[in-house]
Amino acid sequence: KKDADVEKVINILYKKTKLEDTFGVNMLAIAG
């Protein structure tokens, strides 16, 4: 919309959608 609060829109997208997500790291491998 005209005069939209862009920062607020970005915050909502990060908070309420998968545009912000976590990648679980577990560096497991066969060693020896």
Full PDB file with SEQRES, HELIX, SHEET, SSBOND, CRYST1, ORIGX, SCALE, CONECT and MASTER records, all heavy atoms in Angstrom:
SEQRES   1 A   32  LYS LYS ASP ALA ASP VAL GLU LYS VAL ILE ASN ILE LEU          
SEQRES   2 A   32  TYR LYS LYS THR LYS LEU GLU ASP THR PHE GLY VAL ASN          
SEQRES   3 A   32  MET LEU ALA ILE ALA GLY                                      
HELIX    1 AA1 VAL A    6  LYS A   16  1                                  11    
CRYST1    1.000    1.000    1.000  90.00  90.00  90.00 P 1           1          
ORIGX1      1.000000  0.000000  0.000000        0.00000                         
ORIGX2      0.000000  1.000000  0.000000        0.00000                         
ORIGX3      0.000000  0.000000  1.000000        0.00000                         
SCALE1      1.000000  0.000000  0.000000        0.00000                         
SCALE2      0.000000  1.000000  0.000000        0.00000                         
SCALE3      0.000000  0.000000  1.000000        0.00000                         
ATOM      1  N   LYS A   1       0.841  -1.193   0.000  1.00  0.00           N  
ATOM      2  CA  LYS A   1       0.000   0.000   0.000  1.00  0.00           C  
ATOM      3  C   LYS A   1       0.881   1.250   0.000  1.00  0.00           C  
ATOM      4  O   LYS A   1       2.057   1.200   0.355  1.00  0.00           O  
ATOM      5  CB  LYS A   1      -0.889   0.021   1.249  1.00  0.00           C  
ATOM      6  CG  LYS A   1      -2.055  -0.937   1.218  1.00  0.00           C  
ATOM      7  CD  LYS A   1      -2.879  -0.774   2.493  1.00  0.00           C  
ATOM      8  CE  LYS A   1      -4.083  -1.703   2.492  1.00  0.00           C  
ATOM      9  NZ  LYS A   1      -4.856  -1.576   3.747  1.00  0.00           N  
ATOM     10  N   LYS A   2       0.280   2.340  -0.357  1.00  0.00           N  
ATOM     11  CA  LYS A   2       1.003   3.612  -0.304  1.00  0.00           C  
ATOM     12  C   LYS A   2       1.335   3.934   1.155  1.00  0.00           C  
ATOM     13  O   LYS A   2       0.530   3.741   2.053  1.00  0.00           O  
ATOM     14  CB  LYS A   2       0.135   4.724  -0.917  1.00  0.00           C  
ATOM     15  CG  LYS A   2       0.882   6.035  -1.102  1.00  0.00           C  
ATOM     16  CD  LYS A   2      -0.009   7.061  -1.780  1.00  0.00           C  
ATOM     17  CE  LYS A   2       0.751   8.367  -1.977  1.00  0.00           C  
ATOM     18  NZ  LYS A   2      -0.100   9.406  -2.621  1.00  0.00           N  
ATOM     19  N   ASP A   3       2.563   4.399   1.369  1.00  0.00           N  
ATOM     20  CA  ASP A   3       3.057   4.765   2.704  1.00  0.00           C  
ATOM     21  C   ASP A   3       3.046   3.570   3.659  1.00  0.00           C  
ATOM     22  O   ASP A   3       2.817   3.713   4.860  1.00  0.00           O  
ATOM     23  CB  ASP A   3       2.217   5.902   3.310  1.00  0.00           C  
ATOM     24  CG  ASP A   3       2.255   7.159   2.445  1.00  0.00           C  
ATOM     25  OD1 ASP A   3       3.327   7.429   1.868  1.00  0.00           O  
ATOM     26  OD2 ASP A   3       1.224   7.839   2.355  1.00  0.00           O  
ATOM     27  N   ALA A   4       3.298   2.363   3.123  1.00  0.00           N  
ATOM     28  CA  ALA A   4       3.338   1.160   3.959  1.00  0.00           C  
ATOM     29  C   ALA A   4       4.559   1.189   4.868  1.00  0.00           C  
ATOM     30  O   ALA A   4       5.610   1.735   4.520  1.00  0.00           O  
ATOM     31  CB  ALA A   4       3.364  -0.088   3.080  1.00  0.00           C  
ATOM     32  N   ASP A   5       4.427   0.597   6.034  1.00  0.00           N  
ATOM     33  CA  ASP A   5       5.543   0.469   6.973  1.00  0.00           C  
ATOM     34  C   ASP A   5       6.344  -0.775   6.572  1.00  0.00           C  
ATOM     35  O   ASP A   5       6.042  -1.894   6.999  1.00  0.00           O  
ATOM     36  CB  ASP A   5       4.999   0.331   8.395  1.00  0.00           C  
ATOM     37  CG  ASP A   5       6.114   0.362   9.443  1.00  0.00           C  
ATOM     38  OD1 ASP A   5       7.276   0.138   9.064  1.00  0.00           O  
ATOM     39  OD2 ASP A   5       5.811   0.612  10.622  1.00  0.00           O  
ATOM     40  N   VAL A   6       7.386  -0.583   5.733  1.00  0.00           N  
ATOM     41  CA  VAL A   6       8.148  -1.706   5.167  1.00  0.00           C  
ATOM     42  C   VAL A   6       8.829  -2.522   6.258  1.00  0.00           C  
ATOM     43  O   VAL A   6       8.832  -3.759   6.226  1.00  0.00           O  
ATOM     44  CB  VAL A   6       9.183  -1.192   4.142  1.00  0.00           C  
ATOM     45  CG1 VAL A   6      10.022  -2.361   3.613  1.00  0.00           C  
ATOM     46  CG2 VAL A   6       8.479  -0.489   2.988  1.00  0.00           C  
ATOM     47  N   GLU A   7       9.407  -1.843   7.241  1.00  0.00           N  
ATOM     48  CA  GLU A   7      10.115  -2.562   8.311  1.00  0.00           C  
ATOM     49  C   GLU A   7       9.150  -3.462   9.084  1.00  0.00           C  
ATOM     50  O   GLU A   7       9.495  -4.593   9.444  1.00  0.00           O  
ATOM     51  CB  GLU A   7      10.772  -1.565   9.261  1.00  0.00           C  
ATOM     52  CG  GLU A   7      11.649  -2.243  10.310  1.00  0.00           C  
ATOM     53  CD  GLU A   7      12.403  -1.248  11.171  1.00  0.00           C  
ATOM     54  OE1 GLU A   7      12.403  -0.048  10.851  1.00  0.00           O  
ATOM     55  OE2 GLU A   7      12.987  -1.692  12.177  1.00  0.00           O  
ATOM     56  N   LYS A   8       7.939  -2.986   9.316  1.00  0.00           N  
ATOM     57  CA  LYS A   8       6.943  -3.791  10.007  1.00  0.00           C  
ATOM     58  C   LYS A   8       6.569  -5.020   9.176  1.00  0.00           C  
ATOM     59  O   LYS A   8       6.447  -6.130   9.706  1.00  0.00           O  
ATOM     60  CB  LYS A   8       5.700  -2.952  10.298  1.00  0.00           C  
ATOM     61  CG  LYS A   8       4.596  -3.725  11.019  1.00  0.00           C  
ATOM     62  CD  LYS A   8       3.359  -2.859  11.234  1.00  0.00           C  
ATOM     63  CE  LYS A   8       2.230  -3.672  11.856  1.00  0.00           C  
ATOM     64  NZ  LYS A   8       0.998  -2.868  12.003  1.00  0.00           N  
ATOM     65  N   VAL A   9       6.410  -4.823   7.864  1.00  0.00           N  
ATOM     66  CA  VAL A   9       6.076  -5.940   6.972  1.00  0.00           C  
ATOM     67  C   VAL A   9       7.181  -6.993   7.017  1.00  0.00           C  
ATOM     68  O   VAL A   9       6.915  -8.199   7.133  1.00  0.00           O  
ATOM     69  CB  VAL A   9       5.858  -5.446   5.528  1.00  0.00           C  
ATOM     70  CG1 VAL A   9       5.693  -6.637   4.580  1.00  0.00           C  
ATOM     71  CG2 VAL A   9       4.639  -4.540   5.448  1.00  0.00           C  
ATOM     72  N   ILE A  10       8.440  -6.546   6.947  1.00  0.00           N  
ATOM     73  CA  ILE A  10       9.576  -7.480   6.978  1.00  0.00           C  
ATOM     74  C   ILE A  10       9.598  -8.246   8.295  1.00  0.00           C  
ATOM     75  O   ILE A  10       9.813  -9.462   8.325  1.00  0.00           O  
ATOM     76  CB  ILE A  10      10.900  -6.722   6.746  1.00  0.00           C  
ATOM     77  CG1 ILE A  10      10.943  -6.171   5.308  1.00  0.00           C  
ATOM     78  CG2 ILE A  10      12.101  -7.625   7.011  1.00  0.00           C  
ATOM     79  CD1 ILE A  10      12.139  -5.285   5.016  1.00  0.00           C  
ATOM     80  N   ASN A  11       9.364  -7.544   9.400  1.00  0.00           N  
ATOM     81  CA  ASN A  11       9.355  -8.211  10.707  1.00  0.00           C  
ATOM     82  C   ASN A  11       8.261  -9.269  10.798  1.00  0.00           C  
ATOM     83  O   ASN A  11       8.475 -10.356  11.334  1.00  0.00           O  
ATOM     84  CB  ASN A  11       9.167  -7.179  11.821  1.00  0.00           C  
ATOM     85  CG  ASN A  11      10.457  -6.459  12.163  1.00  0.00           C  
ATOM     86  OD1 ASN A  11      11.541  -6.980  11.926  1.00  0.00           O  
ATOM     87  ND2 ASN A  11      10.352  -5.266  12.708  1.00  0.00           N  
ATOM     88  N   ILE A  12       7.082  -8.956  10.253  1.00  0.00           N  
ATOM     89  CA  ILE A  12       5.982  -9.925  10.267  1.00  0.00           C  
ATOM     90  C   ILE A  12       6.345 -11.150   9.426  1.00  0.00           C  
ATOM     91  O   ILE A  12       6.103 -12.291   9.829  1.00  0.00           O  
ATOM     92  CB  ILE A  12       4.680  -9.281   9.758  1.00  0.00           C  
ATOM     93  CG1 ILE A  12       4.204  -8.195  10.737  1.00  0.00           C  
ATOM     94  CG2 ILE A  12       3.588 -10.335   9.574  1.00  0.00           C  
ATOM     95  CD1 ILE A  12       3.017  -7.397  10.242  1.00  0.00           C  
ATOM     96  N   LEU A  13       6.944 -10.915   8.261  1.00  0.00           N  
ATOM     97  CA  LEU A  13       7.328 -12.032   7.391  1.00  0.00           C  
ATOM     98  C   LEU A  13       8.352 -12.930   8.069  1.00  0.00           C  
ATOM     99  O   LEU A  13       8.264 -14.167   7.995  1.00  0.00           O  
ATOM    100  CB  LEU A  13       7.891 -11.502   6.066  1.00  0.00           C  
ATOM    101  CG  LEU A  13       6.898 -10.793   5.144  1.00  0.00           C  
ATOM    102  CD1 LEU A  13       7.608 -10.221   3.929  1.00  0.00           C  
ATOM    103  CD2 LEU A  13       5.798 -11.753   4.690  1.00  0.00           C  
ATOM    104  N   TYR A  14       9.338 -12.335   8.724  1.00  0.00           N  
ATOM    105  CA  TYR A  14      10.340 -13.133   9.424  1.00  0.00           C  
ATOM    106  C   TYR A  14       9.736 -13.882  10.614  1.00  0.00           C  
ATOM    107  O   TYR A  14      10.119 -15.006  10.909  1.00  0.00           O  
ATOM    108  CB  TYR A  14      11.486 -12.238   9.909  1.00  0.00           C  
ATOM    109  CG  TYR A  14      12.486 -11.846   8.835  1.00  0.00           C  
ATOM    110  CD1 TYR A  14      13.226 -10.684   8.946  1.00  0.00           C  
ATOM    111  CD2 TYR A  14      12.699 -12.655   7.716  1.00  0.00           C  
ATOM    112  CE1 TYR A  14      14.159 -10.324   7.967  1.00  0.00           C  
ATOM    113  CE2 TYR A  14      13.613 -12.309   6.736  1.00  0.00           C  
ATOM    114  CZ  TYR A  14      14.346 -11.132   6.864  1.00  0.00           C  
ATOM    115  OH  TYR A  14      15.254 -10.792   5.897  1.00  0.00           O  
ATOM    116  N   LYS A  15       8.796 -13.251  11.286  1.00  0.00           N  
ATOM    117  CA  LYS A  15       8.240 -13.822  12.512  1.00  0.00           C  
ATOM    118  C   LYS A  15       7.177 -14.885  12.226  1.00  0.00           C  
ATOM    119  O   LYS A  15       7.065 -15.874  12.952  1.00  0.00           O  
ATOM    120  CB  LYS A  15       7.627 -12.707  13.360  1.00  0.00           C  
ATOM    121  CG  LYS A  15       7.519 -13.014  14.834  1.00  0.00           C  
ATOM    122  CD  LYS A  15       8.875 -12.946  15.511  1.00  0.00           C  
ATOM    123  CE  LYS A  15       8.757 -13.159  17.008  1.00  0.00           C  
ATOM    124  NZ  LYS A  15      10.077 -13.242  17.645  1.00  0.00           N  
ATOM    125  N   LYS A  16       6.422 -14.708  11.158  1.00  0.00           N  
ATOM    126  CA  LYS A  16       5.237 -15.539  10.941  1.00  0.00           C  
ATOM    127  C   LYS A  16       5.354 -16.511   9.761  1.00  0.00           C  
ATOM    128  O   LYS A  16       4.427 -17.290   9.529  1.00  0.00           O  
ATOM    129  CB  LYS A  16       4.014 -14.635  10.719  1.00  0.00           C  
ATOM    130  CG  LYS A  16       3.595 -13.838  11.958  1.00  0.00           C  
ATOM    131  CD  LYS A  16       3.050 -14.762  13.023  1.00  0.00           C  
ATOM    132  CE  LYS A  16       2.526 -14.003  14.222  1.00  0.00           C  
ATOM    133  NZ  LYS A  16       1.997 -14.900  15.254  1.00  0.00           N  
ATOM    134  N   THR A  17       6.442 -16.455   9.014  1.00  0.00           N  
ATOM    135  CA  THR A  17       6.588 -17.378   7.879  1.00  0.00           C  
ATOM    136  C   THR A  17       7.965 -18.033   7.933  1.00  0.00           C  
ATOM    137  O   THR A  17       8.801 -17.708   8.769  1.00  0.00           O  
ATOM    138  CB  THR A  17       6.432 -16.655   6.525  1.00  0.00           C  
ATOM    139  OG1 THR A  17       7.604 -15.854   6.277  1.00  0.00           O  
ATOM    140  CG2 THR A  17       5.199 -15.770   6.510  1.00  0.00           C  
ATOM    141  N   LYS A  18       8.192 -18.953   6.989  1.00  0.00           N  
ATOM    142  CA  LYS A  18       9.464 -19.664   6.926  1.00  0.00           C  
ATOM    143  C   LYS A  18      10.584 -18.829   6.308  1.00  0.00           C  
ATOM    144  O   LYS A  18      11.669 -19.364   6.052  1.00  0.00           O  
ATOM    145  CB  LYS A  18       9.286 -20.944   6.096  1.00  0.00           C  
ATOM    146  CG  LYS A  18       8.500 -22.026   6.806  1.00  0.00           C  
ATOM    147  CD  LYS A  18       9.271 -22.605   7.969  1.00  0.00           C  
ATOM    148  CE  LYS A  18       8.549 -23.778   8.600  1.00  0.00           C  
ATOM    149  NZ  LYS A  18       9.302 -24.348   9.734  1.00  0.00           N  
ATOM    150  N   LEU A  19      10.340 -17.535   6.082  1.00  0.00           N  
ATOM    151  CA  LEU A  19      11.424 -16.671   5.610  1.00  0.00           C  
ATOM    152  C   LEU A  19      12.496 -16.518   6.683  1.00  0.00           C  
ATOM    153  O   LEU A  19      13.607 -16.080   6.390  1.00  0.00           O  
ATOM    154  CB  LEU A  19      10.883 -15.297   5.206  1.00  0.00           C  
ATOM    155  CG  LEU A  19      10.329 -15.208   3.794  1.00  0.00           C  
ATOM    156  CD1 LEU A  19       9.744 -13.836   3.540  1.00  0.00           C  
ATOM    157  CD2 LEU A  19      11.394 -15.516   2.760  1.00  0.00           C  
ATOM    158  N   GLU A  20      12.178 -16.847   7.902  1.00  0.00           N  
ATOM    159  CA  GLU A  20      13.190 -17.014   8.952  1.00  0.00           C  
ATOM    160  C   GLU A  20      13.027 -18.410   9.513  1.00  0.00           C  
ATOM    161  O   GLU A  20      11.951 -18.795   9.952  1.00  0.00           O  
ATOM    162  CB  GLU A  20      13.038 -15.966  10.049  1.00  0.00           C  
ATOM    163  CG  GLU A  20      14.075 -16.130  11.163  1.00  0.00           C  
ATOM    164  CD  GLU A  20      13.987 -15.053  12.232  1.00  0.00           C  
ATOM    165  OE1 GLU A  20      14.283 -13.888  11.906  1.00  0.00           O  
ATOM    166  OE2 GLU A  20      13.612 -15.388  13.374  1.00  0.00           O  
ATOM    167  N   ASP A  21      14.108 -19.173   9.467  1.00  0.00           N  
ATOM    168  CA  ASP A  21      14.036 -20.568   9.889  1.00  0.00           C  
ATOM    169  C   ASP A  21      15.372 -20.959  10.504  1.00  0.00           C  
ATOM    170  O   ASP A  21      16.344 -20.206  10.432  1.00  0.00           O  
ATOM    171  CB  ASP A  21      13.709 -21.463   8.684  1.00  0.00           C  
ATOM    172  CG  ASP A  21      13.058 -22.773   9.106  1.00  0.00           C  
ATOM    173  OD1 ASP A  21      12.903 -23.001  10.316  1.00  0.00           O  
ATOM    174  OD2 ASP A  21      12.726 -23.575   8.218  1.00  0.00           O  
ATOM    175  N   THR A  22      15.424 -22.129  11.092  1.00  0.00           N  
ATOM    176  CA  THR A  22      16.678 -22.607  11.672  1.00  0.00           C  
ATOM    177  C   THR A  22      17.148 -23.858  10.943  1.00  0.00           C  
ATOM    178  O   THR A  22      16.334 -24.690  10.515  1.00  0.00           O  
ATOM    179  CB  THR A  22      16.512 -22.933  13.166  1.00  0.00           C  
ATOM    180  OG1 THR A  22      15.433 -23.863  13.333  1.00  0.00           O  
ATOM    181  CG2 THR A  22      16.240 -21.684  13.966  1.00  0.00           C  
ATOM    182  N   PHE A  23      18.467 -23.960  10.790  1.00  0.00           N  
ATOM    183  CA  PHE A  23      19.101 -25.146  10.204  1.00  0.00           C  
ATOM    184  C   PHE A  23      19.854 -25.845  11.327  1.00  0.00           C  
ATOM    185  O   PHE A  23      20.805 -25.313  11.884  1.00  0.00           O  
ATOM    186  CB  PHE A  23      20.058 -24.734   9.084  1.00  0.00           C  
ATOM    187  CG  PHE A  23      20.731 -25.900   8.398  1.00  0.00           C  
ATOM    188  CD1 PHE A  23      20.208 -26.418   7.228  1.00  0.00           C  
ATOM    189  CD2 PHE A  23      21.883 -26.466   8.918  1.00  0.00           C  
ATOM    190  CE1 PHE A  23      20.820 -27.497   6.600  1.00  0.00           C  
ATOM    191  CE2 PHE A  23      22.502 -27.540   8.304  1.00  0.00           C  
ATOM    192  CZ  PHE A  23      21.974 -28.056   7.136  1.00  0.00           C  
ATOM    193  N   GLY A  24      19.374 -27.024  11.695  1.00  0.00           N  
ATOM    194  CA  GLY A  24      20.026 -27.769  12.769  1.00  0.00           C  
ATOM    195  C   GLY A  24      21.312 -28.414  12.283  1.00  0.00           C  
ATOM    196  O   GLY A  24      21.322 -29.156  11.297  1.00  0.00           O  
ATOM    197  N   VAL A  25      22.421 -28.119  12.955  1.00  0.00           N  
ATOM    198  CA  VAL A  25      23.728 -28.649  12.572  1.00  0.00           C  
ATOM    199  C   VAL A  25      24.102 -29.796  13.501  1.00  0.00           C  
ATOM    200  O   VAL A  25      24.021 -29.674  14.724  1.00  0.00           O  
ATOM    201  CB  VAL A  25      24.816 -27.557  12.646  1.00  0.00           C  
ATOM    202  CG1 VAL A  25      26.189 -28.134  12.309  1.00  0.00           C  
ATOM    203  CG2 VAL A  25      24.479 -26.410  11.705  1.00  0.00           C  
ATOM    204  N   ASN A  26      24.481 -30.927  12.912  1.00  0.00           N  
ATOM    205  CA  ASN A  26      25.027 -32.061  13.669  1.00  0.00           C  
ATOM    206  C   ASN A  26      26.067 -32.718  12.769  1.00  0.00           C  
ATOM    207  O   ASN A  26      25.728 -33.502  11.884  1.00  0.00           O  
ATOM    208  CB  ASN A  26      23.925 -33.044  14.055  1.00  0.00           C  
ATOM    209  CG  ASN A  26      24.463 -34.173  14.915  1.00  0.00           C  
ATOM    210  OD1 ASN A  26      25.434 -33.999  15.643  1.00  0.00           O  
ATOM    211  ND2 ASN A  26      23.852 -35.337  14.818  1.00  0.00           N  
ATOM    212  N   MET A  27      27.326 -32.361  12.979  1.00  0.00           N  
ATOM    213  CA  MET A  27      28.388 -32.778  12.055  1.00  0.00           C  
ATOM    214  C   MET A  27      28.879 -34.184  12.412  1.00  0.00           C  
ATOM    215  O   MET A  27      29.995 -34.385  12.877  1.00  0.00           O  
ATOM    216  CB  MET A  27      29.515 -31.754  12.054  1.00  0.00           C  
ATOM    217  CG  MET A  27      29.042 -30.390  11.587  1.00  0.00           C  
ATOM    218  SD  MET A  27      30.299 -29.239  11.032  1.00  0.00           S  
ATOM    219  CE  MET A  27      31.114 -28.819  12.545  1.00  0.00           C  
ATOM    220  N   LEU A  28      27.993 -35.151  12.148  1.00  0.00           N  
ATOM    221  CA  LEU A  28      28.279 -36.559  12.423  1.00  0.00           C  
ATOM    222  C   LEU A  28      28.786 -37.230  11.155  1.00  0.00           C  
ATOM    223  O   LEU A  28      28.217 -37.062  10.081  1.00  0.00           O  
ATOM    224  CB  LEU A  28      27.004 -37.255  12.912  1.00  0.00           C  
ATOM    225  CG  LEU A  28      27.147 -38.722  13.288  1.00  0.00           C  
ATOM    226  CD1 LEU A  28      27.722 -38.862  14.692  1.00  0.00           C  
ATOM    227  CD2 LEU A  28      25.799 -39.425  13.218  1.00  0.00           C  
ATOM    228  N   ALA A  29      29.877 -37.995  11.281  1.00  0.00           N  
ATOM    229  CA  ALA A  29      30.424 -38.711  10.128  1.00  0.00           C  
ATOM    230  C   ALA A  29      31.110 -39.983  10.620  1.00  0.00           C  
ATOM    231  O   ALA A  29      31.369 -40.148  11.819  1.00  0.00           O  
ATOM    232  CB  ALA A  29      31.410 -37.825   9.370  1.00  0.00           C  
ATOM    233  N   ILE A  30      31.403 -40.889   9.687  1.00  0.00           N  
ATOM    234  CA  ILE A  30      32.116 -42.117  10.026  1.00  0.00           C  
ATOM    235  C   ILE A  30      33.608 -41.819  10.010  1.00  0.00           C  
ATOM    236  O   ILE A  30      34.186 -41.538   8.958  1.00  0.00           O  
ATOM    237  CB  ILE A  30      31.792 -43.247   9.027  1.00  0.00           C  
ATOM    238  CG1 ILE A  30      30.282 -43.488   8.957  1.00  0.00           C  
ATOM    239  CG2 ILE A  30      32.529 -44.514   9.419  1.00  0.00           C  
ATOM    240  CD1 ILE A  30      29.664 -43.935  10.240  1.00  0.00           C  
ATOM    241  N   ALA A  31      34.220 -41.845  11.183  1.00  0.00           N  
ATOM    242  CA  ALA A  31      35.657 -41.586  11.306  1.00  0.00           C  
ATOM    243  C   ALA A  31      36.302 -42.781  11.992  1.00  0.00           C  
ATOM    244  O   ALA A  31      35.899 -43.152  13.098  1.00  0.00           O  
ATOM    245  CB  ALA A  31      35.904 -40.309  12.116  1.00  0.00           C  
ATOM    246  N   GLY A  32      37.269 -43.388  11.339  1.00  0.00           N  
ATOM    247  CA  GLY A  32      37.911 -44.566  11.920  1.00  0.00           C  
ATOM    248  C   GLY A  32      36.980 -45.741  12.048  1.00  0.00           C  
ATOM    249  O   GLY A  32      37.128 -46.568  12.954  1.00  0.00           O  
TER     250      GLY A  32                                                      
MASTER        0    0    0    1    0    0    0    6  249    1    0    3          
END                                                                             
